[in-house]
Amino acid sequence: MKVSSLLLSLSILLGSGKTYAGVEPDAEVSQLVKTALLKPLSQRESERSRFSRVAMPPAARHVRVLEGRPEKDPRGRMFVRFAVDEKRFKGWAQNAIVGCVYPDEGAVFIQHGESVQSAAQYLGQGGPAATTECTAATVSSSR
């Protein structure tokens, strides 16, 4: 009897994480990144010849959500930043790919230094041009 009440309270405690629109934001962001970026990227890498001079693809990739809460861009849309870590010969390389996801729209954008492009553009498939994506809105002071 005590064990079942302990398990019940533990499951309530572990299951009480914050959700946005009924979905865990980390799981939703990870799934969007995997669908829009990682699966097509691994497909493209698998079609490459073994004898190519291009660097070997990583052994594994892992998506990390960088912030717990979504941010707003200058147009008022909510986005979440992410990073993709890659496992190579010497271990894990953190932040191999960084970008942001707009969960409401299902859009994924990749950052290269100061430039931002959609996941489709990153994969060479065309797609919309990025303008203010992945840029948090700044609050101006009236002082």
C-alpha atoms as a PDB file:
ATOM      1  CA  MET A   1       0.000   0.000   0.000  1.00  0.00           C
ATOM      2  CA  LYS A   2       2.785   2.419   0.892  1.00  0.00           C
ATOM      3  CA  VAL A   3       4.711   1.569  -2.268  1.00  0.00           C
ATOM      4  CA  SER A   4       1.736   2.348  -4.520  1.00  0.00           C
ATOM      5  CA  SER A   5       1.135   5.714  -2.836  1.00  0.00           C
ATOM      6  CA  LEU A   6       4.837   6.512  -3.155  1.00  0.00           C
ATOM      7  CA  LEU A   7       4.796   5.623  -6.850  1.00  0.00           C
ATOM      8  CA  LEU A   8       1.663   7.693  -7.391  1.00  0.00           C
ATOM      9  CA  SER A   9       3.151  10.763  -5.732  1.00  0.00           C
ATOM     10  CA  LEU A  10       6.414  10.289  -7.645  1.00  0.00           C
ATOM     11  CA  SER A  11       4.601  10.058 -10.984  1.00  0.00           C
ATOM     12  CA  ILE A  12       2.615  13.204 -10.173  1.00  0.00           C
ATOM     13  CA  LEU A  13       5.792  15.022  -9.205  1.00  0.00           C
ATOM     14  CA  LEU A  14       7.648  13.965 -12.364  1.00  0.00           C
ATOM     15  CA  GLY A  15       4.669  14.567 -14.629  1.00  0.00           C
ATOM     16  CA  SER A  16       4.000  18.092 -13.405  1.00  0.00           C
ATOM     17  CA  GLY A  17       6.441  19.805 -15.781  1.00  0.00           C
ATOM     18  CA  LYS A  18       5.391  22.958 -17.618  1.00  0.00           C
ATOM     19  CA  THR A  19       3.606  22.445 -20.894  1.00  0.00           C
ATOM     20  CA  TYR A  20       2.611  24.868 -23.613  1.00  0.00           C
ATOM     21  CA  ALA A  21      -0.607  24.030 -25.456  1.00  0.00           C
ATOM     22  CA  GLY A  22      -0.690  20.596 -23.781  1.00  0.00           C
ATOM     23  CA  VAL A  23       2.645  19.450 -25.249  1.00  0.00           C
ATOM     24  CA  GLU A  24       6.061  19.380 -23.631  1.00  0.00           C
ATOM     25  CA  PRO A  25       7.995  22.114 -25.485  1.00  0.00           C
ATOM     26  CA  ASP A  26      11.264  20.148 -25.514  1.00  0.00           C
ATOM     27  CA  ALA A  27       9.629  17.103 -27.095  1.00  0.00           C
ATOM     28  CA  GLU A  28       7.748  19.180 -29.657  1.00  0.00           C
ATOM     29  CA  VAL A  29      10.865  21.161 -30.644  1.00  0.00           C
ATOM     30  CA  SER A  30      12.985  18.001 -30.853  1.00  0.00           C
ATOM     31  CA  GLN A  31      10.403  16.307 -33.072  1.00  0.00           C
ATOM     32  CA  LEU A  32      10.148  19.322 -35.404  1.00  0.00           C
ATOM     33  CA  VAL A  33      13.955  19.527 -35.743  1.00  0.00           C
ATOM     34  CA  LYS A  34      14.214  15.791 -36.420  1.00  0.00           C
ATOM     35  CA  THR A  35      11.463  15.892 -39.041  1.00  0.00           C
ATOM     36  CA  ALA A  36      12.458  19.090 -40.862  1.00  0.00           C
ATOM     37  CA  LEU A  37      16.251  18.897 -40.568  1.00  0.00           C
ATOM     38  CA  LEU A  38      17.890  15.736 -39.234  1.00  0.00           C
ATOM     39  CA  LYS A  39      15.996  13.097 -41.229  1.00  0.00           C
ATOM     40  CA  PRO A  40      16.489  14.848 -44.602  1.00  0.00           C
ATOM     41  CA  LEU A  41      20.108  15.596 -43.701  1.00  0.00           C
ATOM     42  CA  SER A  42      20.880  11.964 -42.837  1.00  0.00           C
ATOM     43  CA  GLN A  43      19.089  10.860 -46.033  1.00  0.00           C
ATOM     44  CA  ARG A  44      21.282  13.189 -48.094  1.00  0.00           C
ATOM     45  CA  GLU A  45      24.409  11.959 -46.294  1.00  0.00           C
ATOM     46  CA  SER A  46      23.493   8.288 -46.847  1.00  0.00           C
ATOM     47  CA  GLU A  47      23.321   8.864 -50.618  1.00  0.00           C
ATOM     48  CA  ARG A  48      26.937  10.052 -50.651  1.00  0.00           C
ATOM     49  CA  SER A  49      29.603   7.710 -51.980  1.00  0.00           C
ATOM     50  CA  ARG A  50      31.813   5.965 -49.428  1.00  0.00           C
ATOM     51  CA  PHE A  51      34.808   7.100 -51.464  1.00  0.00           C
ATOM     52  CA  SER A  52      33.849  10.778 -51.410  1.00  0.00           C
ATOM     53  CA  ARG A  53      36.369  13.281 -50.064  1.00  0.00           C
ATOM     54  CA  VAL A  54      33.650  14.986 -48.054  1.00  0.00           C
ATOM     55  CA  ALA A  55      33.930  14.514 -44.285  1.00  0.00           C
ATOM     56  CA  MET A  56      32.202  11.428 -42.943  1.00  0.00           C
ATOM     57  CA  PRO A  57      28.782  12.075 -41.434  1.00  0.00           C
ATOM     58  CA  PRO A  58      28.553  11.952 -37.645  1.00  0.00           C
ATOM     59  CA  ALA A  59      27.798   8.656 -35.934  1.00  0.00           C
ATOM     60  CA  ALA A  60      24.876  10.211 -34.047  1.00  0.00           C
ATOM     61  CA  ARG A  61      23.072  13.508 -33.569  1.00  0.00           C
ATOM     62  CA  HIS A  62      21.201  14.764 -30.510  1.00  0.00           C
ATOM     63  CA  VAL A  63      18.824  17.758 -30.285  1.00  0.00           C
ATOM     64  CA  ARG A  64      18.997  20.013 -27.203  1.00  0.00           C
ATOM     65  CA  VAL A  65      16.568  22.800 -26.389  1.00  0.00           C
ATOM     66  CA  LEU A  66      18.646  25.740 -25.165  1.00  0.00           C
ATOM     67  CA  GLU A  67      16.036  27.664 -23.178  1.00  0.00           C
ATOM     68  CA  GLY A  68      13.131  26.490 -21.131  1.00  0.00           C
ATOM     69  CA  ARG A  69      10.792  29.245 -22.262  1.00  0.00           C
ATOM     70  CA  PRO A  70       9.888  30.490 -25.728  1.00  0.00           C
ATOM     71  CA  GLU A  71      10.995  33.984 -26.809  1.00  0.00           C
ATOM     72  CA  LYS A  72       9.183  36.515 -29.006  1.00  0.00           C
ATOM     73  CA  ASP A  73      10.650  37.852 -32.232  1.00  0.00           C
ATOM     74  CA  PRO A  74      10.097  41.460 -33.432  1.00  0.00           C
ATOM     75  CA  ARG A  75       6.886  40.377 -35.212  1.00  0.00           C
ATOM     76  CA  GLY A  76       5.468  38.891 -31.987  1.00  0.00           C
ATOM     77  CA  ARG A  77       5.841  35.231 -32.971  1.00  0.00           C
ATOM     78  CA  MET A  78       7.075  32.738 -30.358  1.00  0.00           C
ATOM     79  CA  PHE A  79      10.247  30.731 -31.008  1.00  0.00           C
ATOM     80  CA  VAL A  80      12.521  28.327 -29.123  1.00  0.00           C
ATOM     81  CA  ARG A  81      16.291  28.019 -29.640  1.00  0.00           C
ATOM     82  CA  PHE A  82      17.905  24.622 -30.150  1.00  0.00           C
ATOM     83  CA  ALA A  83      21.325  23.070 -30.744  1.00  0.00           C
ATOM     84  CA  VAL A  84      22.290  19.807 -32.401  1.00  0.00           C
ATOM     85  CA  ASP A  85      25.256  17.930 -30.949  1.00  0.00           C
ATOM     86  CA  GLU A  86      27.126  15.457 -33.167  1.00  0.00           C
ATOM     87  CA  LYS A  87      29.067  12.357 -32.157  1.00  0.00           C
ATOM     88  CA  ARG A  88      32.271  12.067 -34.127  1.00  0.00           C
ATOM     89  CA  PHE A  89      35.477  10.026 -33.703  1.00  0.00           C
ATOM     90  CA  LYS A  90      36.767  11.855 -30.624  1.00  0.00           C
ATOM     91  CA  GLY A  91      33.443  12.294 -28.836  1.00  0.00           C
ATOM     92  CA  TRP A  92      30.544  14.698 -28.891  1.00  0.00           C
ATOM     93  CA  ALA A  93      30.834  18.079 -30.632  1.00  0.00           C
ATOM     94  CA  GLN A  94      28.407  20.488 -29.025  1.00  0.00           C
ATOM     95  CA  ASN A  95      26.489  23.116 -30.993  1.00  0.00           C
ATOM     96  CA  ALA A  96      27.371  21.660 -34.401  1.00  0.00           C
ATOM     97  CA  ILE A  97      24.103  23.122 -35.693  1.00  0.00           C
ATOM     98  CA  VAL A  98      22.191  25.892 -33.909  1.00  0.00           C
ATOM     99  CA  GLY A  99      18.925  27.554 -34.761  1.00  0.00           C
ATOM    100  CA  CYS A 100      15.366  28.112 -33.685  1.00  0.00           C
ATOM    101  CA  VAL A 101      11.934  26.574 -34.108  1.00  0.00           C
ATOM    102  CA  TYR A 102       8.590  28.317 -34.400  1.00  0.00           C
ATOM    103  CA  PRO A 103       6.359  25.640 -32.829  1.00  0.00           C
ATOM    104  CA  ASP A 104       3.080  27.312 -33.813  1.00  0.00           C
ATOM    105  CA  GLU A 105       4.111  27.347 -37.492  1.00  0.00           C
ATOM    106  CA  GLY A 106       6.306  24.239 -37.512  1.00  0.00           C
ATOM    107  CA  ALA A 107       9.141  26.257 -39.096  1.00  0.00           C
ATOM    108  CA  VAL A 108      12.810  25.438 -38.422  1.00  0.00           C
ATOM    109  CA  PHE A 109      15.618  27.946 -39.033  1.00  0.00           C
ATOM    110  CA  ILE A 110      19.385  27.444 -38.904  1.00  0.00           C
ATOM    111  CA  GLN A 111      21.901  30.102 -37.823  1.00  0.00           C
ATOM    112  CA  HIS A 112      25.326  30.559 -39.445  1.00  0.00           C
ATOM    113  CA  GLY A 113      27.057  33.378 -37.593  1.00  0.00           C
ATOM    114  CA  GLU A 114      24.889  36.415 -38.274  1.00  0.00           C
ATOM    115  CA  SER A 115      22.842  34.886 -41.098  1.00  0.00           C
ATOM    116  CA  VAL A 116      19.699  32.796 -40.673  1.00  0.00           C
ATOM    117  CA  GLN A 117      18.166  30.449 -43.227  1.00  0.00           C
ATOM    118  CA  SER A 118      15.286  28.003 -43.253  1.00  0.00           C
ATOM    119  CA  ALA A 119      15.982  24.294 -42.866  1.00  0.00           C
ATOM    120  CA  ALA A 120      14.868  23.794 -46.477  1.00  0.00           C
ATOM    121  CA  GLN A 121      17.431  26.342 -47.693  1.00  0.00           C
ATOM    122  CA  TYR A 122      20.110  24.709 -45.530  1.00  0.00           C
ATOM    123  CA  LEU A 123      19.346  21.387 -47.221  1.00  0.00           C
ATOM    124  CA  GLY A 124      19.444  22.997 -50.691  1.00  0.00           C
ATOM    125  CA  GLN A 125      15.707  22.690 -51.313  1.00  0.00           C
ATOM    126  CA  GLY A 126      14.827  26.385 -51.569  1.00  0.00           C
ATOM    127  CA  GLY A 127      12.311  27.791 -49.155  1.00  0.00           C
ATOM    128  CA  PRO A 128      11.403  31.134 -47.618  1.00  0.00           C
ATOM    129  CA  ALA A 129      14.060  33.760 -46.983  1.00  0.00           C
ATOM    130  CA  ALA A 130      14.627  34.546 -43.306  1.00  0.00           C
ATOM    131  CA  THR A 131      14.329  38.142 -42.162  1.00  0.00           C
ATOM    132  CA  THR A 132      13.835  38.516 -38.405  1.00  0.00           C
ATOM    133  CA  GLU A 133      13.712  34.847 -37.448  1.00  0.00           C
ATOM    134  CA  CYS A 134      15.611  33.723 -34.339  1.00  0.00           C
ATOM    135  CA  THR A 135      16.045  37.315 -33.153  1.00  0.00           C
ATOM    136  CA  ALA A 136      14.479  38.184 -29.824  1.00  0.00           C
ATOM    137  CA  ALA A 137      12.512  41.393 -29.689  1.00  0.00           C
ATOM    138  CA  THR A 138      14.274  44.117 -27.740  1.00  0.00           C
ATOM    139  CA  VAL A 139      12.419  46.222 -25.260  1.00  0.00           C
ATOM    140  CA  SER A 140      13.220  49.898 -25.704  1.00  0.00           C
ATOM    141  CA  SER A 141      13.421  52.116 -22.675  1.00  0.00           C
ATOM    142  CA  SER A 142      11.775  55.538 -22.703  1.00  0.00           C
ATOM    143  CA  ARG A 143      14.350  57.070 -20.376  1.00  0.00           C
END
